[in-house]
């Protein structure tokens, strides 16, 4: 579990440092691991909304937004405890060789 824990710690540091550099506060928003759990079919009580994707916000702080319509499906909810359990279980597995 040592290698997996080291990898997870490095990923978390990267995210926290990114948020501090770009937004002025330290935060951990694990978008990519949650997306991976959804793609892998893990049960995290994922719920979705649909709309038209547009980019909005001031330069340097742009965000992807959904406006009324169809074409883009976005995750709107997941159960944080189920996601944490699934992510922890994945990190406890041996790394692929």
Protein backbone atom coordinates (compact mmCIF):
# COMPACT_ATOMS: atom_id res chain seq x y z
CA UNK A 1 0.00 0.00 0.00
CA UNK A 2 3.03 2.29 0.34
CA UNK A 3 3.34 3.11 -3.38
CA UNK A 4 -0.40 3.73 -3.70
CA UNK A 5 -0.40 5.99 -0.65
CA UNK A 6 2.59 7.94 -1.98
CA UNK A 7 0.83 8.35 -5.33
CA UNK A 8 -2.41 9.49 -3.67
CA UNK A 9 -0.51 11.99 -1.53
CA UNK A 10 1.24 13.41 -4.61
CA UNK A 11 -2.07 13.77 -6.46
CA UNK A 12 -3.67 15.51 -3.47
CA UNK A 13 -0.70 17.90 -3.08
CA UNK A 14 -0.93 18.76 -6.79
CA UNK A 15 -4.64 19.65 -6.51
CA UNK A 16 -4.28 21.62 -3.28
CA UNK A 17 -1.30 23.57 -4.66
CA UNK A 18 -3.19 24.26 -7.91
CA UNK A 19 -6.19 25.73 -6.08
CA UNK A 20 -3.96 27.88 -3.90
CA UNK A 21 -1.98 29.21 -6.88
CA UNK A 22 -5.02 29.87 -9.07
CA UNK A 23 -7.74 30.79 -6.57
CA UNK A 24 -5.90 31.97 -3.45
CA UNK A 25 -7.12 29.20 -1.15
CA UNK A 26 -6.17 25.62 -0.47
CA UNK A 27 -8.87 23.11 -1.43
CA UNK A 28 -9.15 19.55 -2.61
CA UNK A 29 -11.74 19.03 -5.33
CA UNK A 30 -11.22 15.56 -6.73
CA UNK A 31 -13.04 15.91 -10.05
CA UNK A 32 -10.88 13.42 -11.93
CA UNK A 33 -11.10 10.52 -9.44
CA UNK A 34 -14.88 10.95 -9.17
CA UNK A 35 -15.16 10.96 -12.98
CA UNK A 36 -13.02 7.80 -13.07
CA UNK A 37 -15.32 6.12 -10.53
CA UNK A 38 -18.36 6.98 -12.66
CA UNK A 39 -16.65 5.70 -15.84
CA UNK A 40 -15.65 2.50 -14.06
CA UNK A 41 -19.27 1.90 -13.10
CA UNK A 42 -18.75 2.17 -9.34
CA UNK A 43 -21.93 2.79 -7.36
CA UNK A 44 -21.53 6.29 -5.91
CA UNK A 45 -25.19 7.34 -6.40
CA UNK A 46 -24.20 9.42 -9.43
CA UNK A 47 -26.89 11.76 -10.78
CA UNK A 48 -26.66 13.86 -13.91
CA UNK A 49 -28.10 16.98 -15.52
CA UNK A 50 -28.11 17.87 -19.20
CA UNK A 51 -27.61 21.17 -20.96
CA UNK A 52 -25.56 23.11 -23.49
CA UNK A 53 -21.93 23.61 -22.43
CA UNK A 54 -20.67 27.23 -22.50
CA UNK A 55 -17.57 28.86 -21.07
CA UNK A 56 -18.19 31.83 -18.78
CA UNK A 57 -16.48 33.87 -16.11
CA UNK A 58 -13.71 36.44 -16.05
CA UNK A 59 -10.47 35.80 -17.96
CA UNK A 60 -8.25 33.52 -15.94
CA UNK A 61 -11.14 32.19 -13.87
CA UNK A 62 -13.28 30.67 -16.62
CA UNK A 63 -15.72 27.91 -15.82
CA UNK A 64 -17.69 25.46 -17.88
CA UNK A 65 -21.40 26.20 -17.39
CA UNK A 66 -24.56 24.46 -18.56
CA UNK A 67 -27.34 26.48 -20.12
CA UNK A 68 -30.80 25.19 -20.96
CA UNK A 69 -30.79 22.65 -23.75
CA UNK A 70 -29.27 19.28 -24.52
CA UNK A 71 -25.98 17.91 -25.70
CA UNK A 72 -23.79 17.75 -22.59
CA UNK A 73 -24.38 15.51 -19.59
CA UNK A 74 -22.77 16.63 -16.33
CA UNK A 75 -22.51 15.01 -12.93
CA UNK A 76 -24.67 16.95 -10.49
CA UNK A 77 -24.47 14.71 -7.42
CA UNK A 78 -22.64 11.80 -5.91
CA UNK A 79 -22.71 10.36 -2.42
CA UNK A 80 -19.45 11.53 -0.79
CA UNK A 81 -19.25 8.52 1.54
CA UNK A 82 -19.73 6.02 -1.30
CA UNK A 83 -17.17 7.92 -3.40
CA UNK A 84 -14.65 7.96 -0.53
CA UNK A 85 -15.14 4.24 0.08
CA UNK A 86 -14.73 3.41 -3.61
CA UNK A 87 -11.64 5.61 -3.95
CA UNK A 88 -10.08 4.16 -0.80
CA UNK A 89 -10.78 0.62 -2.00
CA UNK A 90 -9.15 1.43 -5.36
CA UNK A 91 -6.07 2.87 -3.65
CA UNK A 92 -5.73 -0.24 -1.51
CA UNK A 93 -5.33 -2.41 -4.63
CA UNK A 94 -1.84 -3.17 -5.98
CA UNK A 95 -0.67 -0.84 -8.74
CA UNK A 96 -0.85 -2.34 -12.25
CA UNK A 97 2.46 -3.69 -13.54
